[in-house]
Protein backbone atom coordinates (compact mmCIF):
# COMPACT_ATOMS: atom_id res chain seq x y z
CA UNK A 1 65.71 96.01 102.73
CA UNK A 2 64.25 98.26 100.10
CA UNK A 3 60.58 98.55 99.11
CA UNK A 4 59.30 97.64 95.66
CA UNK A 5 61.31 99.64 93.19
CA UNK A 6 63.21 99.45 89.94
CA UNK A 7 66.95 98.88 90.06
CA UNK A 8 68.02 99.92 86.63
CA UNK A 9 71.22 101.92 86.55
CA UNK A 10 73.16 98.82 85.49
CA UNK A 11 71.28 95.73 84.49
CA UNK A 12 71.92 92.46 82.76
CA UNK A 13 68.75 91.19 81.16
CA UNK A 14 67.79 88.22 79.05
CA UNK A 15 65.82 88.87 75.92
CA UNK A 16 62.87 87.07 77.50
CA UNK A 17 62.82 89.75 80.24
CA UNK A 18 63.20 87.82 83.48
CA UNK A 19 63.25 89.37 86.93
CA UNK A 20 66.40 89.00 89.02
CA UNK A 21 64.53 89.30 92.27
CA UNK A 22 61.05 87.90 92.70
CA UNK A 23 58.14 88.04 90.30
CA UNK A 24 55.14 86.21 89.01
CA UNK A 25 56.21 83.01 87.27
CA UNK A 26 57.59 83.60 83.80
CA UNK A 27 58.83 81.40 80.99
CA UNK A 28 61.97 79.48 81.87
CA UNK A 29 65.26 81.23 81.23
CA UNK A 30 67.15 79.96 78.20
CA UNK A 31 69.91 77.60 79.18
CA UNK A 32 73.41 79.04 79.26
CA UNK A 33 75.75 77.92 76.49
CA UNK A 34 79.26 76.59 77.03
CA UNK A 35 80.63 80.14 76.72
CA UNK A 36 81.06 83.08 79.01
CA UNK A 37 82.10 86.58 77.97
CA UNK A 38 84.30 89.01 79.89
CA UNK A 39 84.03 92.79 79.44
CA UNK A 40 87.00 94.88 80.56
CA UNK A 41 87.58 98.63 81.01
CA UNK A 42 84.12 99.73 79.92
CA UNK A 43 82.79 101.24 83.12
CA UNK A 44 83.54 101.17 86.82
CA UNK A 45 84.26 97.46 87.05
CA UNK A 46 84.90 94.42 84.89
CA UNK A 47 82.13 91.91 84.17
CA UNK A 48 81.60 88.26 83.29
CA UNK A 49 78.31 87.10 81.75
CA UNK A 50 77.03 83.73 80.60
CA UNK A 51 76.14 83.66 76.90
CA UNK A 52 72.76 81.97 76.46
CA UNK A 53 72.27 79.04 74.16
CA UNK A 54 70.92 79.65 70.68
CA UNK A 55 68.60 81.28 69.66
CA UNK A 56 68.33 83.44 72.80
CA UNK A 57 70.19 86.70 73.31
CA UNK A 58 71.27 88.50 76.45
CA UNK A 59 72.04 92.17 76.96
CA UNK A 60 74.02 94.37 79.30
CA UNK A 61 73.07 98.04 79.62
CA UNK A 62 75.36 100.66 81.12
CA UNK A 63 75.36 104.43 81.25
CA UNK A 64 76.91 105.34 84.58
CA UNK A 65 80.68 105.61 84.79
CA UNK A 66 81.31 104.96 81.11
CA UNK A 67 84.95 105.71 80.33
CA UNK A 68 84.73 108.54 77.82
CA UNK A 69 87.19 110.08 75.36
CA UNK A 70 88.35 113.43 76.81
CA UNK A 71 87.18 116.50 74.85
CA UNK A 72 85.30 114.33 72.35
CA UNK A 73 83.45 116.22 69.61
CA UNK A 74 80.66 114.86 67.45
CA UNK A 75 81.93 113.97 63.99
CA UNK A 76 81.87 111.33 61.24
CA UNK A 77 78.10 111.04 61.25
CA UNK A 78 77.78 110.65 65.03
CA UNK A 79 75.68 113.69 65.79
CA UNK A 80 74.96 113.20 69.48
CA UNK A 81 76.79 112.17 72.60
CA UNK A 82 76.28 108.58 73.75
CA UNK A 83 73.86 108.38 76.64
CA UNK A 84 74.21 104.62 77.18
CA UNK A 85 75.57 101.45 75.63
CA UNK A 86 73.83 98.13 75.14
CA UNK A 87 75.98 95.03 74.63
CA UNK A 88 74.15 92.07 73.08
CA UNK A 89 75.57 88.53 73.23
CA UNK A 90 74.46 85.37 71.42
CA UNK A 91 75.64 82.23 69.64
CA UNK A 92 75.59 81.92 65.89
CA UNK A 93 76.68 78.66 64.22
CA UNK A 94 78.49 77.73 67.41
CA UNK A 95 80.46 80.98 67.72
CA UNK A 96 79.89 83.75 70.29
CA UNK A 97 78.86 87.11 68.85
CA UNK A 98 78.75 90.63 70.25
CA UNK A 99 76.82 93.66 69.09
CA UNK A 100 77.46 97.04 70.69
CA UNK A 101 74.62 99.54 70.33
CA UNK A 102 74.90 103.21 71.28
CA UNK A 103 71.86 104.94 72.73
CA UNK A 104 72.29 108.51 71.50
CA UNK A 105 71.45 111.74 73.24
CA UNK A 106 71.15 112.79 76.84
CA UNK A 107 69.00 110.54 78.99
CA UNK A 108 66.46 111.70 81.51
CA UNK A 109 68.01 111.60 84.98
CA UNK A 110 67.21 108.44 86.95
CA UNK A 111 65.73 106.79 83.85
CA UNK A 112 65.77 103.05 83.14
CA UNK A 113 66.64 101.02 80.04
CA UNK A 114 62.97 100.25 79.43
CA UNK A 115 62.41 104.01 79.11
CA UNK A 116 64.98 104.43 76.34
CA UNK A 117 62.97 102.72 73.60
CA UNK A 118 62.27 105.96 71.74
CA UNK A 119 65.86 107.17 71.82
CA UNK A 120 67.94 107.15 68.64
CA UNK A 121 70.44 104.30 68.41
CA UNK A 122 73.43 103.39 66.28
CA UNK A 123 75.33 100.13 65.93
CA UNK A 124 78.93 100.61 67.04
CA UNK A 125 80.09 97.14 65.95
CA UNK A 126 78.71 93.65 65.38
CA UNK A 127 81.14 90.77 65.08
CA UNK A 128 82.00 87.19 65.99
CA UNK A 129 84.28 86.48 68.95
CA UNK A 130 86.90 83.79 68.53
CA UNK A 131 87.09 81.82 71.79
CA UNK A 132 89.97 82.77 74.10
CA UNK A 133 90.89 85.80 71.97
CA UNK A 134 90.77 89.21 73.60
CA UNK A 135 89.61 91.89 71.19
CA UNK A 136 89.52 95.65 71.61
CA UNK A 137 86.39 97.49 70.56
CA UNK A 138 88.25 100.36 68.91
CA UNK A 139 85.07 101.47 67.14
CA UNK A 140 83.81 102.86 70.45
CA UNK A 141 86.21 105.82 70.20
CA UNK A 142 84.25 107.22 67.25
CA UNK A 143 81.29 107.50 69.61
CA UNK A 144 83.27 109.15 72.39
CA UNK A 145 83.82 106.01 74.47
CA UNK A 146 87.33 104.79 75.21
CA UNK A 147 88.13 101.46 73.51
CA UNK A 148 87.39 98.52 75.80
CA UNK A 149 88.15 94.80 75.71
CA UNK A 150 85.93 91.76 75.27
CA UNK A 151 86.91 88.08 75.58
CA UNK A 152 84.73 85.03 74.98
CA UNK A 153 85.91 81.80 76.57
CA UNK A 154 84.68 78.34 77.40
CA UNK A 155 83.17 78.34 80.85
CA UNK A 156 84.82 76.37 83.61
CA UNK A 157 82.62 73.71 85.25
CA UNK A 158 80.05 75.53 87.35
CA UNK A 159 77.35 73.09 88.33
CA UNK A 160 77.54 71.20 91.61
CA UNK A 161 74.08 69.74 91.15
CA UNK A 162 70.89 71.06 92.75
CA UNK A 163 71.50 73.42 95.68
CA UNK A 164 70.34 72.55 99.14
CA UNK A 165 67.26 74.63 99.92
CA UNK A 166 66.67 75.61 103.54
CA UNK A 167 63.19 77.03 103.97
CA UNK A 168 62.62 78.72 107.33
CA UNK A 169 58.99 79.48 106.58
CA UNK A 170 55.88 77.33 106.60
CA UNK A 171 53.73 79.35 104.19
CA UNK A 172 56.12 79.09 101.24
CA UNK A 173 56.81 75.80 99.53
CA UNK A 174 59.36 75.28 96.78
CA UNK A 175 57.81 73.57 93.77
CA UNK A 176 60.76 73.62 91.38
CA UNK A 177 64.48 74.41 91.27
CA UNK A 178 66.09 75.33 87.94
CA UNK A 179 69.78 75.87 87.32
CA UNK A 180 70.63 78.82 85.09
CA UNK A 181 74.34 79.63 85.36
CA UNK A 182 75.40 81.62 87.31
CA UNK A 183 72.39 81.11 89.55
CA UNK A 184 69.25 79.17 90.36
CA UNK A 185 65.57 79.95 90.04
CA UNK A 186 63.21 78.67 92.73
CA UNK A 187 59.50 78.48 91.96
CA UNK A 188 57.57 79.02 95.20
CA UNK A 189 53.91 78.88 96.21
CA UNK A 190 52.16 80.65 99.07
CA UNK A 191 50.21 77.96 100.93
CA UNK A 192 48.72 80.38 103.47
CA UNK A 193 45.45 82.29 103.34
CA UNK A 194 47.29 85.62 103.76
CA UNK A 195 49.11 87.95 101.42
CA UNK A 196 52.90 87.98 101.70
CA UNK A 197 54.29 91.53 101.73
CA UNK A 198 58.01 90.87 102.11
CA UNK A 199 60.50 88.07 101.62
CA UNK A 200 64.23 87.72 102.24
CA UNK A 201 66.61 85.03 101.03
CA UNK A 202 70.36 84.53 100.70
CA UNK A 203 72.90 82.12 99.29
CA UNK A 204 75.69 80.09 100.90
CA UNK A 205 78.63 78.63 99.01
CA UNK A 206 81.06 76.17 100.59
CA UNK A 207 79.43 76.91 103.93
CA UNK A 208 79.94 80.68 103.75
CA UNK A 209 77.17 83.26 103.48
CA UNK A 210 77.05 85.06 100.16
CA UNK A 211 74.81 87.67 98.65
CA UNK A 212 71.26 88.08 99.86
CA UNK A 213 68.25 89.65 98.23
CA UNK A 214 64.62 90.37 98.88
CA UNK A 215 61.60 92.40 98.04
CA UNK A 216 58.91 94.17 99.97
CA UNK A 217 55.73 95.92 99.03
CA UNK A 218 52.00 95.65 99.24
CA UNK A 219 50.83 92.06 98.72
CA UNK A 220 53.56 90.70 96.49
CA UNK A 221 52.38 87.05 96.72
CA UNK A 222 48.62 86.44 97.12
CA UNK A 223 47.15 83.43 98.95
CA UNK A 224 47.77 80.39 96.77
CA UNK A 225 49.89 82.50 94.43
CA UNK A 226 53.18 81.52 92.86
CA UNK A 227 56.38 83.49 92.38
CA UNK A 228 60.05 82.99 91.66
CA UNK A 229 63.24 83.63 93.57
CA UNK A 230 66.52 84.01 91.71
CA UNK A 231 69.77 83.58 93.63
CA UNK A 232 73.02 84.56 91.95
CA UNK A 233 76.33 82.83 92.64
CA UNK A 234 79.70 83.85 91.21
CA UNK A 235 81.62 82.49 88.27
CA UNK A 236 84.78 80.44 88.98
CA UNK A 237 86.68 82.86 86.74
CA UNK A 238 85.77 85.93 88.79
CA UNK A 239 88.41 87.39 91.04
CA UNK A 240 87.39 88.63 94.44
CA UNK A 241 89.88 91.53 94.18
CA UNK A 242 92.15 92.86 91.40
CA UNK A 243 95.27 91.17 92.78
CA UNK A 244 93.60 87.97 93.99
CA UNK A 245 93.72 84.54 92.43
CA UNK A 246 90.57 83.00 91.02
CA UNK A 247 87.89 82.24 93.57
CA UNK A 248 87.69 78.90 95.33
CA UNK A 249 85.84 76.26 93.33
CA UNK A 250 82.36 75.60 94.65
CA UNK A 251 81.63 72.20 96.15
CA UNK A 252 78.30 72.96 97.84
CA UNK A 253 75.65 75.64 97.42
CA UNK A 254 72.66 76.44 99.59
CA UNK A 255 69.75 78.85 99.20
CA UNK A 256 68.11 79.96 102.43
CA UNK A 257 64.57 81.37 102.39
CA UNK A 258 65.10 83.27 105.60
CA UNK A 259 61.87 85.12 106.40
CA UNK A 260 58.55 86.42 105.17
CA UNK A 261 56.21 89.12 106.51
CA UNK A 262 52.47 88.95 105.90
CA UNK A 263 50.25 91.94 105.19
CA UNK A 264 48.74 91.69 108.68
CA UNK A 265 52.18 92.21 110.25
CA UNK A 266 52.79 88.62 111.35
CA UNK A 267 55.87 86.78 110.12
CA UNK A 268 57.62 83.45 109.69
CA UNK A 269 61.32 82.63 109.71
CA UNK A 270 64.29 84.49 111.16
CA UNK A 271 63.04 87.20 113.54
CA UNK A 272 65.92 89.56 112.78
CA UNK A 273 65.33 89.56 109.02
CA UNK A 274 61.57 89.82 109.46
CA UNK A 275 61.92 92.73 111.87
CA UNK A 276 64.15 94.64 109.47
CA UNK A 277 61.68 94.16 106.61
CA UNK A 278 58.68 95.15 108.74
CA UNK A 279 60.45 98.26 110.00
CA UNK A 280 61.42 99.40 106.52
CA UNK A 281 57.85 98.87 105.30
CA UNK A 282 56.50 100.82 108.29
CA UNK A 283 58.70 103.79 107.42
CA UNK A 284 57.70 103.57 103.77
CA UNK A 285 54.00 103.48 104.61
CA UNK A 286 54.25 106.53 106.89
CA UNK A 287 55.96 108.52 104.15
CA UNK A 288 53.60 107.23 101.44
CA UNK A 289 50.60 108.54 103.36
CA UNK A 290 52.24 111.97 103.52
CA UNK A 291 53.19 111.88 99.85
CA UNK A 292 49.68 110.89 98.75
CA UNK A 293 48.20 113.76 100.71
CA UNK A 294 50.50 116.25 98.97
CA UNK A 295 49.81 114.81 95.52
CA UNK A 296 46.03 114.85 96.01
CA UNK A 297 46.18 118.43 97.26
CA UNK A 298 48.15 119.43 94.17
CA UNK A 299 45.60 117.74 91.87
CA UNK A 300 42.80 119.85 93.37
CA UNK A 301 44.50 123.14 92.53
CA UNK A 302 43.41 125.22 89.49
CA UNK A 303 44.95 123.96 86.20
CA UNK A 304 47.43 126.79 85.75
CA UNK A 305 50.78 127.76 87.12
CA UNK A 306 52.26 124.30 86.65
CA UNK A 307 55.83 125.56 86.99
CA UNK A 308 55.15 127.08 90.40
CA UNK A 309 53.10 124.05 91.46
CA UNK A 310 55.98 121.73 90.60
CA UNK A 311 58.42 123.96 92.46
CA UNK A 312 56.15 123.92 95.51
CA UNK A 313 55.75 120.13 95.35
CA UNK A 314 59.51 119.66 95.20
CA UNK A 315 59.91 121.96 98.20
CA UNK A 316 57.21 120.19 100.21
CA UNK A 317 58.54 116.70 99.44
CA UNK A 318 62.07 117.79 100.37
CA UNK A 319 60.73 119.06 103.69
CA UNK A 320 59.08 115.75 104.65
CA UNK A 321 60.43 114.50 107.96
CA UNK A 322 62.80 111.56 108.18
CA UNK A 323 62.59 111.46 111.96
CA UNK A 324 61.60 108.11 113.43
CA UNK A 325 58.39 107.93 115.45
CA UNK A 326 59.54 106.24 118.65
CA UNK A 327 56.05 104.88 119.24
CA UNK A 328 56.26 102.98 115.95
CA UNK A 329 59.74 101.72 116.82
CA UNK A 330 58.58 100.55 120.25
CA UNK A 331 55.59 98.73 118.76
CA UNK A 332 57.84 96.89 116.31
CA UNK A 333 60.32 96.03 119.05
CA UNK A 334 57.49 94.47 121.03
CA UNK A 335 56.09 92.61 118.04
CA UNK A 336 59.51 91.16 117.28
CA UNK A 337 60.48 90.34 120.85
CA UNK A 338 62.36 87.24 119.62
CA UNK A 339 64.75 89.39 117.57
CA UNK A 340 68.24 90.21 118.82
CA UNK A 341 68.83 93.15 121.13
CA UNK A 342 70.72 95.02 118.39
CA UNK A 343 67.74 94.68 116.05
CA UNK A 344 65.26 95.83 118.67
CA UNK A 345 67.28 98.77 119.98
CA UNK A 346 69.07 100.02 116.86
CA UNK A 347 68.32 98.36 113.51
CA UNK A 348 64.54 98.78 113.69
CA UNK A 349 64.99 102.56 113.97
CA UNK A 350 67.50 102.55 111.11
CA UNK A 351 65.18 100.58 108.84
CA UNK A 352 62.22 102.85 109.61
CA UNK A 353 64.42 105.78 108.60
CA UNK A 354 65.47 103.94 105.44
CA UNK A 355 61.82 103.53 104.47
CA UNK A 356 61.07 107.20 105.12
CA UNK A 357 64.12 108.28 103.14
CA UNK A 358 63.52 105.91 100.21
CA UNK A 359 59.96 107.04 99.42
CA UNK A 360 60.97 110.67 99.69
CA UNK A 361 64.01 110.19 97.47
CA UNK A 362 62.07 108.25 94.85
CA UNK A 363 59.49 111.01 94.42
CA UNK A 364 62.18 113.69 94.26
CA UNK A 365 63.79 111.70 91.45
CA UNK A 366 60.44 111.49 89.65
CA UNK A 367 60.16 115.28 89.89
CA UNK A 368 63.69 115.76 88.53
CA UNK A 369 62.87 113.48 85.59
CA UNK A 370 59.78 115.53 84.75
CA UNK A 371 61.70 118.81 85.09
CA UNK A 372 64.26 117.51 82.60
CA UNK A 373 61.48 116.45 80.20
CA UNK A 374 59.77 119.83 80.54
CA UNK A 375 62.99 121.73 79.83
CA UNK A 376 64.19 119.52 76.96
CA UNK A 377 61.03 118.05 75.39
CA UNK A 378 58.15 120.36 76.36
CA UNK A 379 55.84 118.87 73.72
CA UNK A 380 55.64 115.59 75.66
CA UNK A 381 55.76 117.07 79.16
CA UNK A 382 52.10 116.59 80.11
CA UNK A 383 51.93 117.79 83.71
CA UNK A 384 48.35 116.67 84.33
CA UNK A 385 48.99 113.20 82.91
CA UNK A 386 52.22 112.88 84.87
CA UNK A 387 50.50 113.90 88.11
CA UNK A 388 47.65 111.45 87.52
CA UNK A 389 50.15 108.60 87.02
CA UNK A 390 51.97 109.52 90.24
CA UNK A 391 48.72 109.61 92.24
CA UNK A 392 47.76 106.17 90.91
CA UNK A 393 51.25 104.73 91.47
CA UNK A 394 51.71 105.94 95.03
CA UNK A 395 48.09 105.25 95.90
CA UNK A 396 48.49 101.59 94.91
CA UNK A 397 51.51 101.27 97.19
CA UNK A 398 49.29 101.98 100.18
CA UNK A 399 45.96 100.41 99.25
CA UNK A 400 46.98 97.19 97.42
């Protein structure tokens, strides 16, 4: 499991901004239309998305592994290299449409789409898609991106009715299940008097385990609070490998709420999943306490020599230990005595290390982002403001 964080290198988002993991309840997703869209040869893999019903729009952002034109030079009014592409999809008068938008200029390392709002953009192409016709976006070459293919098509039957929901916890109750191809949203309520700090769930299709997901962090669902779980299932048109036939049609689907961990360390559900989450959170907390100490110490230094201070912080964060405290591991093994032997003797240590490594890596990425901003946009590189935000952010992760 990973602690609370943003997963944003590649993301498919609805225009209503809905979480794909777990979040406070939000407006219902717009229903999917009768059309899907397939995107080929744009980045490291091919994609299929559901086009939402009118008037909603959906978007796909990508900037890693874009297939670029070799030795491309800026010309024809395109004055900067493409940092990312945003593909927008919608229905207009019953026809699928696509708009490709280029985000221009170099992006800060490890940045997210919601941080690109101030970047310059240019429309590459906007056009209707005739169903079942594969078109090539040749206009992309002008922007230094190799032409790629897009095909809109009528979706094969996807629904098998409401999924079976297996809830292995007592504190969570499911209040609503909504189908939103290619997945389902479960509204859940915390019936306990304790905060929930971690949750894990997974899907099963035709009796076989599929993808799982989860979230952990300080107090993600308060007593009596409500949240949502979104479980993704595949499209019938997706191939499991490049040379495979289309995937087996779904006849049954199940969503399993496997385990939760409370903020007092107790748990409900599958011991193995709970133990893994608790161990990862323990490692994260240990590293967060160290990180907060370093950040507070830096804030107390005289307000000069920011360059050297940043260099020292990067050195000190890089030197933080990733060694597992065996006393912590033993305590967790005892607390989760019902977990499997492999979990107690091996996986708990691995998850503690994952937590230690994640917090350390996240802060190093934050430092690299600020270094890039300082070197490329010094006018907006406010060191004191940046440091204050970090202290507040990492402090909340421990005290919430």
